[in-house]
Every structure is written in structure tokens, then in C-alpha cells.
């Protein structure tokens, strides 16, 4: 993903990073595809999508945060509420934890992404 960020940073004002959201029958189809086409990745996919281990996403989050900082880019996690000028440098948004997000129902009517329990 750092290569993607470097490649597009001069062409956009938002870089949205999101992981796969595997549920139901689709999960089995994707894992079978990985097993057949990319067997070396199967242990990682099983750890993430079968065992529910979030360690990979936490590690990647830290790497991307450091990479964004080295490029002088803002980095946010699970926040879709920002408003930046169109010609501003891009902000990198990590949306790896989307299943933990809830929409807040604020009295003022605004809706911002929050982490569940946060």
C-alpha cells in the first residue's frame, strides 16, 4: 500500500484504504480461491478471516501511519467526516476497522464515524 500512496498522492485529495469484508458464503469462495491460486497466503488469510486475529491490520496501520508522516500527509483511522480543500494534499484514511464502527446519533444531527466503545 505504501507504493499506492506514493503513486497517487499527487492526483487526489483522499486516499481511502479498506480491507476485505468476508462474510457468509462469499468468505468460503474467496478462501478457496486463495487456497488454489495463492496457497502461500492461505495461512495469513485464515489467521485474519477465520481466527479473527487483528494483528496484521494493527501492524499495517502503524506502517502506513509512519509512511504517511514521512510523506507529509495527514493520516486518520475510521473517520469519514473530514472536509479538506479540493487542492489540499491528500489525507490517508485507514478504514481497516469498519466492522467496529458505529454511526453516532448526535443531537446536532452530525454523523461522524466512531469506534465502537469510543
PDB file of N, CA and C in Angstrom:
ATOM      1  N   UNK A   1       0.795  -1.198   0.000  1.00  0.00           N
ATOM      2  CA  UNK A   1       0.000   0.000   0.000  1.00  0.00           C
ATOM      3  C   UNK A   1       0.842   1.270   0.000  1.00  0.00           C
ATOM      4  N   UNK A   2       2.016   1.279   0.633  1.00  0.00           N
ATOM      5  CA  UNK A   2       2.828   2.495   0.539  1.00  0.00           C
ATOM      6  C   UNK A   2       3.129   2.891  -0.906  1.00  0.00           C
ATOM      7  N   UNK A   3       3.351   1.913  -1.776  1.00  0.00           N
ATOM      8  CA  UNK A   3       3.610   2.223  -3.188  1.00  0.00           C
ATOM      9  C   UNK A   3       2.389   2.874  -3.835  1.00  0.00           C
ATOM     10  N   UNK A   4       1.205   2.430  -3.460  1.00  0.00           N
ATOM     11  CA  UNK A   4      -0.028   3.027  -3.994  1.00  0.00           C
ATOM     12  C   UNK A   4      -0.142   4.472  -3.535  1.00  0.00           C
ATOM     13  N   UNK A   5       0.115   4.711  -2.258  1.00  0.00           N
ATOM     14  CA  UNK A   5       0.031   6.073  -1.723  1.00  0.00           C
ATOM     15  C   UNK A   5       1.000   6.992  -2.459  1.00  0.00           C
ATOM     16  N   UNK A   6       2.226   6.551  -2.634  1.00  0.00           N
ATOM     17  CA  UNK A   6       3.225   7.371  -3.342  1.00  0.00           C
ATOM     18  C   UNK A   6       2.802   7.647  -4.788  1.00  0.00           C
ATOM     19  N   UNK A   7       2.214   6.652  -5.403  1.00  0.00           N
ATOM     20  CA  UNK A   7       1.824   6.782  -6.815  1.00  0.00           C
ATOM     21  C   UNK A   7       0.686   7.781  -7.015  1.00  0.00           C
ATOM     22  N   UNK A   8      -0.291   7.802  -6.106  1.00  0.00           N
ATOM     23  CA  UNK A   8      -1.493   8.616  -6.324  1.00  0.00           C
ATOM     24  C   UNK A   8      -1.517   9.932  -5.556  1.00  0.00           C
ATOM     25  N   UNK A   9      -0.559  10.166  -4.671  1.00  0.00           N
ATOM     26  CA  UNK A   9      -0.628  11.332  -3.783  1.00  0.00           C
ATOM     27  C   UNK A   9      -0.694  12.668  -4.518  1.00  0.00           C
ATOM     28  N   UNK A  10      -0.207  12.737  -5.725  1.00  0.00           N
ATOM     29  CA  UNK A  10      -0.286  13.974  -6.494  1.00  0.00           C
ATOM     30  C   UNK A  10      -1.510  14.068  -7.385  1.00  0.00           C
ATOM     31  N   UNK A  11      -2.401  13.080  -7.302  1.00  0.00           N
ATOM     32  CA  UNK A  11      -3.535  13.014  -8.220  1.00  0.00           C
ATOM     33  C   UNK A  11      -4.894  13.037  -7.535  1.00  0.00           C
ATOM     34  N   UNK A  12      -4.912  13.154  -6.206  1.00  0.00           N
ATOM     35  CA  UNK A  12      -6.192  13.091  -5.497  1.00  0.00           C
ATOM     36  C   UNK A  12      -6.077  13.837  -4.177  1.00  0.00           C
ATOM     37  N   UNK A  13      -7.195  13.990  -3.483  1.00  0.00           N
ATOM     38  CA  UNK A  13      -7.138  14.610  -2.164  1.00  0.00           C
ATOM     39  C   UNK A  13      -7.623  13.672  -1.057  1.00  0.00           C
ATOM     40  N   UNK A  14      -7.896  12.422  -1.406  1.00  0.00           N
ATOM     41  CA  UNK A  14      -8.305  11.425  -0.418  1.00  0.00           C
ATOM     42  C   UNK A  14      -7.794  10.058  -0.864  1.00  0.00           C
ATOM     43  N   UNK A  15      -7.105   9.380   0.035  1.00  0.00           N
ATOM     44  CA  UNK A  15      -6.646   8.016  -0.222  1.00  0.00           C
ATOM     45  C   UNK A  15      -7.318   7.141   0.820  1.00  0.00           C
ATOM     46  N   UNK A  16      -8.268   6.343   0.380  1.00  0.00           N
ATOM     47  CA  UNK A  16      -9.115   5.542   1.263  1.00  0.00           C
ATOM     48  C   UNK A  16      -8.626   4.102   1.219  1.00  0.00           C
ATOM     49  N   UNK A  17      -8.210   3.576   2.358  1.00  0.00           N
ATOM     50  CA  UNK A  17      -7.697   2.215   2.451  1.00  0.00           C
ATOM     51  C   UNK A  17      -8.696   1.355   3.210  1.00  0.00           C
ATOM     52  N   UNK A  18      -9.090   0.258   2.610  1.00  0.00           N
ATOM     53  CA  UNK A  18     -10.074  -0.616   3.249  1.00  0.00           C
ATOM     54  C   UNK A  18      -9.694  -2.067   2.996  1.00  0.00           C
ATOM     55  N   UNK A  19      -9.959  -2.902   3.976  1.00  0.00           N
ATOM     56  CA  UNK A  19      -9.675  -4.324   3.829  1.00  0.00           C
ATOM     57  C   UNK A  19     -10.894  -5.064   3.282  1.00  0.00           C
ATOM     58  N   UNK A  20     -10.686  -6.334   2.973  1.00  0.00           N
ATOM     59  CA  UNK A  20     -11.806  -7.163   2.538  1.00  0.00           C
ATOM     60  C   UNK A  20     -12.753  -7.396   3.702  1.00  0.00           C
ATOM     61  N   UNK A  21     -14.012  -7.482   3.397  1.00  0.00           N
ATOM     62  CA  UNK A  21     -15.025  -7.762   4.400  1.00  0.00           C
ATOM     63  C   UNK A  21     -15.666  -9.087   3.993  1.00  0.00           C
ATOM     64  N   UNK A  22     -15.117 -10.181   4.484  1.00  0.00           N
ATOM     65  CA  UNK A  22     -15.578 -11.509   4.071  1.00  0.00           C
ATOM     66  C   UNK A  22     -16.598 -12.054   5.053  1.00  0.00           C
ATOM     67  N   UNK A  23     -17.781 -12.339   4.531  1.00  0.00           N
ATOM     68  CA  UNK A  23     -18.856 -12.897   5.353  1.00  0.00           C
ATOM     69  C   UNK A  23     -19.616 -13.943   4.546  1.00  0.00           C
ATOM     70  N   UNK A  24     -20.283 -14.813   5.266  1.00  0.00           N
ATOM     71  CA  UNK A  24     -21.168 -15.793   4.645  1.00  0.00           C
ATOM     72  C   UNK A  24     -20.470 -16.682   3.640  1.00  0.00           C
ATOM     73  N   UNK A  25     -21.226 -17.087   2.617  1.00  0.00           N
ATOM     74  CA  UNK A  25     -20.713 -17.987   1.584  1.00  0.00           C
ATOM     75  C   UNK A  25     -19.555 -17.370   0.802  1.00  0.00           C
ATOM     76  N   UNK A  26     -19.559 -16.067   0.686  1.00  0.00           N
ATOM     77  CA  UNK A  26     -18.511 -15.376  -0.059  1.00  0.00           C
ATOM     78  C   UNK A  26     -17.140 -15.626   0.566  1.00  0.00           C
ATOM     79  N   UNK A  27     -17.102 -15.718   1.872  1.00  0.00           N
ATOM     80  CA  UNK A  27     -15.848 -15.982   2.582  1.00  0.00           C
ATOM     81  C   UNK A  27     -15.239 -17.305   2.121  1.00  0.00           C
ATOM     82  N   UNK A  28     -16.053 -18.338   2.035  1.00  0.00           N
ATOM     83  CA  UNK A  28     -15.584 -19.650   1.595  1.00  0.00           C
ATOM     84  C   UNK A  28     -15.077 -19.594   0.162  1.00  0.00           C
ATOM     85  N   UNK A  29     -15.791 -18.891  -0.695  1.00  0.00           N
ATOM     86  CA  UNK A  29     -15.388 -18.767  -2.100  1.00  0.00           C
ATOM     87  C   UNK A  29     -14.020 -18.098  -2.209  1.00  0.00           C
ATOM     88  N   UNK A  30     -13.827 -17.010  -1.484  1.00  0.00           N
ATOM     89  CA  UNK A  30     -12.548 -16.292  -1.540  1.00  0.00           C
ATOM     90  C   UNK A  30     -11.428 -17.137  -0.947  1.00  0.00           C
ATOM     91  N   UNK A  31     -11.672 -17.785   0.187  1.00  0.00           N
ATOM     92  CA  UNK A  31     -10.634 -18.620   0.798  1.00  0.00           C
ATOM     93  C   UNK A  31     -10.281 -19.806  -0.099  1.00  0.00           C
ATOM     94  N   UNK A  32     -11.264 -20.371  -0.783  1.00  0.00           N
ATOM     95  CA  UNK A  32     -10.977 -21.446  -1.740  1.00  0.00           C
ATOM     96  C   UNK A  32     -10.123 -20.929  -2.900  1.00  0.00           C
ATOM     97  N   UNK A  33     -10.420 -19.725  -3.363  1.00  0.00           N
ATOM     98  CA  UNK A  33      -9.630 -19.109  -4.434  1.00  0.00           C
ATOM     99  C   UNK A  33      -8.182 -18.904  -3.975  1.00  0.00           C
ATOM    100  N   UNK A  34      -8.014 -18.375  -2.767  1.00  0.00           N
ATOM    101  CA  UNK A  34      -6.665 -18.167  -2.221  1.00  0.00           C
ATOM    102  C   UNK A  34      -5.938 -19.506  -2.109  1.00  0.00           C
ATOM    103  N   UNK A  35      -6.635 -20.517  -1.623  1.00  0.00           N
ATOM    104  CA  UNK A  35      -6.045 -21.859  -1.474  1.00  0.00           C
ATOM    105  C   UNK A  35      -5.537 -22.374  -2.824  1.00  0.00           C
ATOM    106  N   UNK A  36      -6.310 -22.135  -3.883  1.00  0.00           N
ATOM    107  CA  UNK A  36      -5.963 -22.642  -5.212  1.00  0.00           C
ATOM    108  C   UNK A  36      -4.904 -21.790  -5.917  1.00  0.00           C
ATOM    109  N   UNK A  37      -5.062 -20.475  -5.889  1.00  0.00           N
ATOM    110  CA  UNK A  37      -4.216 -19.585  -6.693  1.00  0.00           C
ATOM    111  C   UNK A  37      -3.008 -19.011  -5.943  1.00  0.00           C
ATOM    112  N   UNK A  38      -3.128 -18.856  -4.637  1.00  0.00           N
ATOM    113  CA  UNK A  38      -2.059 -18.234  -3.840  1.00  0.00           C
ATOM    114  C   UNK A  38      -1.905 -18.968  -2.510  1.00  0.00           C
ATOM    115  N   UNK A  39      -1.560 -20.247  -2.546  1.00  0.00           N
ATOM    116  CA  UNK A  39      -1.529 -21.045  -1.317  1.00  0.00           C
ATOM    117  C   UNK A  39      -0.576 -20.507  -0.247  1.00  0.00           C
ATOM    118  N   UNK A  40       0.452 -19.786  -0.650  1.00  0.00           N
ATOM    119  CA  UNK A  40       1.377 -19.214   0.334  1.00  0.00           C
ATOM    120  C   UNK A  40       0.711 -18.151   1.208  1.00  0.00           C
ATOM    121  N   UNK A  41      -0.409 -17.572   0.738  1.00  0.00           N
ATOM    122  CA  UNK A  41      -1.136 -16.562   1.507  1.00  0.00           C
ATOM    123  C   UNK A  41      -2.235 -17.158   2.389  1.00  0.00           C
ATOM    124  N   UNK A  42      -2.542 -18.428   2.193  1.00  0.00           N
ATOM    125  CA  UNK A  42      -3.656 -19.038   2.923  1.00  0.00           C
ATOM    126  C   UNK A  42      -3.498 -18.954   4.441  1.00  0.00           C
ATOM    127  N   UNK A  43      -2.335 -19.237   5.024  1.00  0.00           N
ATOM    128  CA  UNK A  43      -2.230 -19.120   6.487  1.00  0.00           C
ATOM    129  C   UNK A  43      -2.556 -17.707   6.997  1.00  0.00           C
ATOM    130  N   UNK A  44      -2.107 -16.683   6.280  1.00  0.00           N
ATOM    131  CA  UNK A  44      -2.411 -15.309   6.681  1.00  0.00           C
ATOM    132  C   UNK A  44      -3.907 -15.037   6.584  1.00  0.00           C
ATOM    133  N   UNK A  45      -4.526 -15.430   5.479  1.00  0.00           N
ATOM    134  CA  UNK A  45      -5.965 -15.214   5.311  1.00  0.00           C
ATOM    135  C   UNK A  45      -6.766 -15.967   6.366  1.00  0.00           C
ATOM    136  N   UNK A  46      -6.353 -17.171   6.700  1.00  0.00           N
ATOM    137  CA  UNK A  46      -7.055 -17.930   7.733  1.00  0.00           C
ATOM    138  C   UNK A  46      -6.899 -17.261   9.096  1.00  0.00           C
ATOM    139  N   UNK A  47      -5.705 -16.774   9.372  1.00  0.00           N
ATOM    140  CA  UNK A  47      -5.476 -16.085  10.641  1.00  0.00           C
ATOM    141  C   UNK A  47      -6.375 -14.855  10.759  1.00  0.00           C
ATOM    142  N   UNK A  48      -6.478 -14.105   9.678  1.00  0.00           N
ATOM    143  CA  UNK A  48      -7.270 -12.874   9.682  1.00  0.00           C
ATOM    144  C   UNK A  48      -8.767 -13.166   9.639  1.00  0.00           C
ATOM    145  N   UNK A  49      -9.195 -13.986   8.668  1.00  0.00           N
ATOM    146  CA  UNK A  49     -10.622 -14.115   8.382  1.00  0.00           C
ATOM    147  C   UNK A  49     -11.311 -15.309   9.032  1.00  0.00           C
ATOM    148  N   UNK A  50     -10.563 -16.279   9.502  1.00  0.00           N
ATOM    149  CA  UNK A  50     -11.169 -17.425  10.181  1.00  0.00           C
ATOM    150  C   UNK A  50     -10.976 -17.288  11.693  1.00  0.00           C
ATOM    151  N   UNK A  51      -9.743 -16.989  12.095  1.00  0.00           N
ATOM    152  CA  UNK A  51      -9.444 -16.874  13.522  1.00  0.00           C
ATOM    153  C   UNK A  51      -9.756 -15.488  14.085  1.00  0.00           C
ATOM    154  N   UNK A  52      -9.920 -14.508  13.211  1.00  0.00           N
ATOM    155  CA  UNK A  52     -10.271 -13.156  13.650  1.00  0.00           C
ATOM    156  C   UNK A  52      -9.127 -12.378  14.279  1.00  0.00           C
ATOM    157  N   UNK A  53      -7.897 -12.749  13.987  1.00  0.00           N
ATOM    158  CA  UNK A  53      -6.738 -12.065  14.549  1.00  0.00           C
ATOM    159  C   UNK A  53      -6.548 -10.719  13.851  1.00  0.00           C
ATOM    160  N   UNK A  54      -6.539  -9.635  14.605  1.00  0.00           N
ATOM    161  CA  UNK A  54      -6.416  -8.278  14.056  1.00  0.00           C
ATOM    162  C   UNK A  54      -4.962  -7.788  14.007  1.00  0.00           C
ATOM    163  N   UNK A  55      -4.020  -8.643  14.395  1.00  0.00           N
ATOM    164  CA  UNK A  55      -2.618  -8.243  14.461  1.00  0.00           C
ATOM    165  C   UNK A  55      -2.065  -7.717  13.149  1.00  0.00           C
ATOM    166  N   UNK A  56      -2.418  -8.348  12.043  1.00  0.00           N
ATOM    167  CA  UNK A  56      -1.927  -7.906  10.737  1.00  0.00           C
ATOM    168  C   UNK A  56      -2.382  -6.477  10.451  1.00  0.00           C
ATOM    169  N   UNK A  57      -3.661  -6.180  10.741  1.00  0.00           N
ATOM    170  CA  UNK A  57      -4.187  -4.847  10.450  1.00  0.00           C
ATOM    171  C   UNK A  57      -3.567  -3.803  11.367  1.00  0.00           C
ATOM    172  N   UNK A  58      -3.300  -4.156  12.638  1.00  0.00           N
ATOM    173  CA  UNK A  58      -2.637  -3.218  13.547  1.00  0.00           C
ATOM    174  C   UNK A  58      -1.215  -2.908  13.059  1.00  0.00           C
ATOM    175  N   UNK A  59      -0.494  -3.952  12.631  1.00  0.00           N
ATOM    176  CA  UNK A  59       0.861  -3.768  12.123  1.00  0.00           C
ATOM    177  C   UNK A  59       0.849  -2.899  10.862  1.00  0.00           C
ATOM    178  N   UNK A  60      -0.068  -3.189   9.949  1.00  0.00           N
ATOM    179  CA  UNK A  60      -0.160  -2.415   8.718  1.00  0.00           C
ATOM    180  C   UNK A  60      -0.562  -0.972   9.014  1.00  0.00           C
ATOM    181  N   UNK A  61      -1.444  -0.762   9.968  1.00  0.00           N
ATOM    182  CA  UNK A  61      -1.853   0.579  10.380  1.00  0.00           C
ATOM    183  C   UNK A  61      -0.638   1.387  10.831  1.00  0.00           C
ATOM    184  N   UNK A  62       0.216   0.797  11.660  1.00  0.00           N
ATOM    185  CA  UNK A  62       1.406   1.503  12.142  1.00  0.00           C
ATOM    186  C   UNK A  62       2.366   1.828  10.994  1.00  0.00           C
ATOM    187  N   UNK A  63       2.557   0.883  10.089  1.00  0.00           N
ATOM    188  CA  UNK A  63       3.431   1.122   8.935  1.00  0.00           C
ATOM    189  C   UNK A  63       2.896   2.251   8.056  1.00  0.00           C
ATOM    190  N   UNK A  64       1.596   2.229   7.797  1.00  0.00           N
ATOM    191  CA  UNK A  64       1.001   3.244   6.933  1.00  0.00           C
ATOM    192  C   UNK A  64       1.008   4.616   7.591  1.00  0.00           C
ATOM    193  N   UNK A  65       0.787   4.649   8.891  1.00  0.00           N
ATOM    194  CA  UNK A  65       0.828   5.916   9.627  1.00  0.00           C
ATOM    195  C   UNK A  65       2.222   6.536   9.508  1.00  0.00           C
ATOM    196  N   UNK A  66       3.257   5.734   9.696  1.00  0.00           N
ATOM    197  CA  UNK A  66       4.634   6.223   9.582  1.00  0.00           C
ATOM    198  C   UNK A  66       4.939   6.655   8.150  1.00  0.00           C
ATOM    199  N   UNK A  67       4.472   5.885   7.178  1.00  0.00           N
ATOM    200  CA  UNK A  67       4.713   6.216   5.775  1.00  0.00           C
ATOM    201  C   UNK A  67       4.022   7.528   5.403  1.00  0.00           C
ATOM    202  N   UNK A  68       2.775   7.705   5.840  1.00  0.00           N
ATOM    203  CA  UNK A  68       2.058   8.952   5.561  1.00  0.00           C
ATOM    204  C   UNK A  68       2.799  10.135   6.183  1.00  0.00           C
ATOM    205  N   UNK A  69       3.263   9.968   7.412  1.00  0.00           N
ATOM    206  CA  UNK A  69       4.002  11.045   8.078  1.00  0.00           C
ATOM    207  C   UNK A  69       5.276  11.391   7.309  1.00  0.00           C
ATOM    208  N   UNK A  70       5.970  10.374   6.808  1.00  0.00           N
ATOM    209  CA  UNK A  70       7.210  10.630   6.061  1.00  0.00           C
ATOM    210  C   UNK A  70       6.941  11.383   4.761  1.00  0.00           C
ATOM    211  N   UNK A  71       5.727  11.258   4.243  1.00  0.00           N
ATOM    212  CA  UNK A  71       5.343  11.966   3.016  1.00  0.00           C
ATOM    213  C   UNK A  71       4.670  13.304   3.317  1.00  0.00           C
ATOM    214  N   UNK A  72       4.510  13.620   4.604  1.00  0.00           N
ATOM    215  CA  UNK A  72       3.858  14.867   4.996  1.00  0.00           C
ATOM    216  C   UNK A  72       2.355  14.846   4.815  1.00  0.00           C
ATOM    217  N   UNK A  73       1.755  13.656   4.844  1.00  0.00           N
ATOM    218  CA  UNK A  73       0.312  13.524   4.650  1.00  0.00           C
ATOM    219  C   UNK A  73      -0.386  13.261   5.980  1.00  0.00           C
ATOM    220  N   UNK A  74      -1.580  13.824   6.132  1.00  0.00           N
ATOM    221  CA  UNK A  74      -2.399  13.524   7.303  1.00  0.00           C
ATOM    222  C   UNK A  74      -2.890  12.091   7.210  1.00  0.00           C
ATOM    223  N   UNK A  75      -3.062  11.465   8.363  1.00  0.00           N
ATOM    224  CA  UNK A  75      -3.498  10.065   8.439  1.00  0.00           C
ATOM    225  C   UNK A  75      -4.601   9.961   9.476  1.00  0.00           C
ATOM    226  N   UNK A  76      -5.704   9.343   9.106  1.00  0.00           N
ATOM    227  CA  UNK A  76      -6.833   9.178  10.010  1.00  0.00           C
ATOM    228  C   UNK A  76      -7.276   7.729  10.005  1.00  0.00           C
ATOM    229  N   UNK A  77      -7.905   7.325  11.081  1.00  0.00           N
ATOM    230  CA  UNK A  77      -8.438   5.974  11.189  1.00  0.00           C
ATOM    231  C   UNK A  77      -9.942   6.053  11.400  1.00  0.00           C
ATOM    232  N   UNK A  78     -10.694   5.400  10.525  1.00  0.00           N
ATOM    233  CA  UNK A  78     -12.148   5.287  10.652  1.00  0.00           C
ATOM    234  C   UNK A  78     -12.851   6.627  10.772  1.00  0.00           C
ATOM    235  N   UNK A  79     -12.422   7.614  10.042  1.00  0.00           N
ATOM    236  CA  UNK A  79     -13.055   8.926  10.106  1.00  0.00           C
ATOM    237  C   UNK A  79     -13.410   9.364   8.695  1.00  0.00           C
ATOM    238  N   UNK A  80     -14.693   9.456   8.437  1.00  0.00           N
ATOM    239  CA  UNK A  80     -15.144   9.884   7.115  1.00  0.00           C
ATOM    240  C   UNK A  80     -15.787  11.262   7.166  1.00  0.00           C
ATOM    241  N   UNK A  81     -15.512  12.006   8.230  1.00  0.00           N
ATOM    242  CA  UNK A  81     -16.193  13.281   8.419  1.00  0.00           C
ATOM    243  C   UNK A  81     -15.378  14.489   7.973  1.00  0.00           C
ATOM    244  N   UNK A  82     -14.125  14.273   7.585  1.00  0.00           N
ATOM    245  CA  UNK A  82     -13.263  15.403   7.278  1.00  0.00           C
ATOM    246  C   UNK A  82     -13.691  16.128   6.005  1.00  0.00           C
ATOM    247  N   UNK A  83     -13.384  17.406   5.998  1.00  0.00           N
ATOM    248  CA  UNK A  83     -13.636  18.222   4.813  1.00  0.00           C
ATOM    249  C   UNK A  83     -12.366  19.011   4.538  1.00  0.00           C
ATOM    250  N   UNK A  84     -11.734  18.731   3.412  1.00  0.00           N
ATOM    251  CA  UNK A  84     -10.481  19.364   3.041  1.00  0.00           C
ATOM    252  C   UNK A  84     -10.692  20.158   1.760  1.00  0.00           C
ATOM    253  N   UNK A  85      -9.907  21.214   1.583  1.00  0.00           N
ATOM    254  CA  UNK A  85      -9.967  21.923   0.301  1.00  0.00           C
ATOM    255  C   UNK A  85      -9.598  20.963  -0.830  1.00  0.00           C
ATOM    256  N   UNK A  86     -10.212  21.167  -1.967  1.00  0.00           N
ATOM    257  CA  UNK A  86     -10.003  20.260  -3.092  1.00  0.00           C
ATOM    258  C   UNK A  86      -8.545  20.198  -3.526  1.00  0.00           C
ATOM    259  N   UNK A  87      -7.833  21.306  -3.420  1.00  0.00           N
ATOM    260  CA  UNK A  87      -6.446  21.334  -3.876  1.00  0.00           C
ATOM    261  C   UNK A  87      -5.441  21.015  -2.765  1.00  0.00           C
ATOM    262  N   UNK A  88      -5.910  20.595  -1.606  1.00  0.00           N
ATOM    263  CA  UNK A  88      -5.023  20.235  -0.492  1.00  0.00           C
ATOM    264  C   UNK A  88      -4.353  18.890  -0.771  1.00  0.00           C
ATOM    265  N   UNK A  89      -3.208  18.650  -0.141  1.00  0.00           N
ATOM    266  CA  UNK A  89      -2.597  17.319  -0.265  1.00  0.00           C
ATOM    267  C   UNK A  89      -3.580  16.270   0.265  1.00  0.00           C
ATOM    268  N   UNK A  90      -3.474  15.060  -0.216  1.00  0.00           N
ATOM    269  CA  UNK A  90      -4.449  14.051   0.206  1.00  0.00           C
ATOM    270  C   UNK A  90      -4.310  13.679   1.677  1.00  0.00           C
ATOM    271  N   UNK A  91      -5.413  13.279   2.240  1.00  0.00           N
ATOM    272  CA  UNK A  91      -5.423  12.681   3.568  1.00  0.00           C
ATOM    273  C   UNK A  91      -5.561  11.177   3.353  1.00  0.00           C
ATOM    274  N   UNK A  92      -4.833  10.403   4.134  1.00  0.00           N
ATOM    275  CA  UNK A  92      -4.900   8.944   4.055  1.00  0.00           C
ATOM    276  C   UNK A  92      -5.854   8.480   5.144  1.00  0.00           C
ATOM    277  N   UNK A  93      -6.889   7.740   4.756  1.00  0.00           N
ATOM    278  CA  UNK A  93      -7.871   7.240   5.721  1.00  0.00           C
ATOM    279  C   UNK A  93      -7.803   5.725   5.758  1.00  0.00           C
ATOM    280  N   UNK A  94      -7.482   5.203   6.921  1.00  0.00           N
ATOM    281  CA  UNK A  94      -7.450   3.767   7.169  1.00  0.00           C
ATOM    282  C   UNK A  94      -8.841   3.353   7.625  1.00  0.00           C
ATOM    283  N   UNK A  95      -9.481   2.527   6.845  1.00  0.00           N
ATOM    284  CA  UNK A  95     -10.823   2.035   7.182  1.00  0.00           C
ATOM    285  C   UNK A  95     -10.765   0.517   7.386  1.00  0.00           C
ATOM    286  N   UNK A  96      -9.670   0.038   8.009  1.00  0.00           N
ATOM    287  CA  UNK A  96      -9.492  -1.398   8.241  1.00  0.00           C
ATOM    288  C   UNK A  96     -10.422  -1.934   9.316  1.00  0.00           C
ATOM    289  N   UNK A  97     -10.952  -1.054  10.140  1.00  0.00           N
ATOM    290  CA  UNK A  97     -11.741  -1.493  11.292  1.00  0.00           C
ATOM    291  C   UNK A  97     -13.219  -1.177  11.099  1.00  0.00           C
ATOM    292  N   UNK A  98     -13.685  -1.230   9.860  1.00  0.00           N
ATOM    293  CA  UNK A  98     -15.050  -0.799   9.557  1.00  0.00           C
ATOM    294  C   UNK A  98     -16.110  -1.604  10.288  1.00  0.00           C
ATOM    295  N   UNK A  99     -15.828  -2.851  10.610  1.00  0.00           N
ATOM    296  CA  UNK A  99     -16.843  -3.634  11.319  1.00  0.00           C
ATOM    297  C   UNK A  99     -16.981  -3.200  12.769  1.00  0.00           C
ATOM    298  N   UNK A 100     -16.072  -2.371  13.269  1.00  0.00           N
ATOM    299  CA  UNK A 100     -16.147  -1.882  14.637  1.00  0.00           C
ATOM    300  C   UNK A 100     -16.741  -0.478  14.714  1.00  0.00           C
ATOM    301  N   UNK A 101     -17.134   0.055  13.594  1.00  0.00           N
ATOM    302  CA  UNK A 101     -17.623   1.433  13.559  1.00  0.00           C
ATOM    303  C   UNK A 101     -19.128   1.478  13.770  1.00  0.00           C
ATOM    304  N   UNK A 102     -19.552   2.496  14.461  1.00  0.00           N
ATOM    305  CA  UNK A 102     -20.974   2.781  14.556  1.00  0.00           C
ATOM    306  C   UNK A 102     -21.158   4.242  14.174  1.00  0.00           C
ATOM    307  N   UNK A 103     -22.289   4.550  13.711  1.00  0.00           N
ATOM    308  CA  UNK A 103     -22.597   5.946  13.419  1.00  0.00           C
ATOM    309  C   UNK A 103     -23.173   6.562  14.684  1.00  0.00           C
ATOM    310  N   UNK A 104     -22.628   7.689  15.070  1.00  0.00           N
ATOM    311  CA  UNK A 104     -23.153   8.326  16.273  1.00  0.00           C
ATOM    312  C   UNK A 104     -24.406   9.096  15.897  1.00  0.00           C
ATOM    313  N   UNK A 105     -25.335   9.075  16.785  1.00  0.00           N
ATOM    314  CA  UNK A 105     -26.574   9.830  16.586  1.00  0.00           C
ATOM    315  C   UNK A 105     -26.492  11.041  17.502  1.00  0.00           C
ATOM    316  N   UNK A 106     -25.829  12.073  17.028  1.00  0.00           N
ATOM    317  CA  UNK A 106     -25.637  13.267  17.839  1.00  0.00           C
ATOM    318  C   UNK A 106     -26.872  14.145  17.787  1.00  0.00           C
ATOM    319  N   UNK A 107     -27.071  14.859  18.866  1.00  0.00           N
ATOM    320  CA  UNK A 107     -28.221  15.753  18.943  1.00  0.00           C
ATOM    321  C   UNK A 107     -28.156  16.841  17.883  1.00  0.00           C
ATOM    322  N   UNK A 108     -26.931  17.218  17.490  1.00  0.00           N
ATOM    323  CA  UNK A 108     -26.817  18.284  16.500  1.00  0.00           C
ATOM    324  C   UNK A 108     -27.042  17.795  15.073  1.00  0.00           C
ATOM    325  N   UNK A 109     -27.288  16.478  14.939  1.00  0.00           N
ATOM    326  CA  UNK A 109     -27.595  15.923  13.631  1.00  0.00           C
ATOM    327  C   UNK A 109     -26.386  15.515  12.823  1.00  0.00           C
ATOM    328  N   UNK A 110     -25.180  15.843  13.308  1.00  0.00           N
ATOM    329  CA  UNK A 110     -23.999  15.436  12.546  1.00  0.00           C
ATOM    330  C   UNK A 110     -23.762  13.956  12.725  1.00  0.00           C
ATOM    331  N   UNK A 111     -23.126  13.369  11.746  1.00  0.00           N
ATOM    332  CA  UNK A 111     -22.849  11.934  11.800  1.00  0.00           C
ATOM    333  C   UNK A 111     -21.375  11.740  11.505  1.00  0.00           C
ATOM    334  N   UNK A 112     -20.644  11.267  12.508  1.00  0.00           N
ATOM    335  CA  UNK A 112     -19.219  11.014  12.357  1.00  0.00           C
ATOM    336  C   UNK A 112     -18.943   9.570  12.697  1.00  0.00           C
ATOM    337  N   UNK A 113     -17.989   9.004  12.014  1.00  0.00           N
ATOM    338  CA  UNK A 113     -17.596   7.631  12.306  1.00  0.00           C
ATOM    339  C   UNK A 113     -16.892   7.589  13.646  1.00  0.00           C
ATOM    340  N   UNK A 114     -17.214   6.583  14.430  1.00  0.00           N
ATOM    341  CA  UNK A 114     -16.561   6.372  15.715  1.00  0.00           C
ATOM    342  C   UNK A 114     -16.261   4.905  15.860  1.00  0.00           C
ATOM    343  N   UNK A 115     -15.286   4.610  16.697  1.00  0.00           N
ATOM    344  CA  UNK A 115     -15.010   3.221  17.011  1.00  0.00           C
ATOM    345  C   UNK A 115     -15.991   2.788  18.082  1.00  0.00           C
ATOM    346  N   UNK A 116     -16.534   1.603  17.946  1.00  0.00           N
ATOM    347  CA  UNK A 116     -17.469   1.097  18.940  1.00  0.00           C
ATOM    348  C   UNK A 116     -16.794   1.134  20.292  1.00  0.00           C
ATOM    349  N   UNK A 117     -17.504   1.665  21.273  1.00  0.00           N
ATOM    350  CA  UNK A 117     -16.959   1.789  22.609  1.00  0.00           C
ATOM    351  C   UNK A 117     -16.145   3.059  22.782  1.00  0.00           C
ATOM    352  N   UNK A 118     -16.030   3.869  21.703  1.00  0.00           N
ATOM    353  CA  UNK A 118     -15.174   5.061  21.777  1.00  0.00           C
ATOM    354  C   UNK A 118     -15.927   6.328  21.732  1.00  0.00           C
TER     355      UNK A 118
END
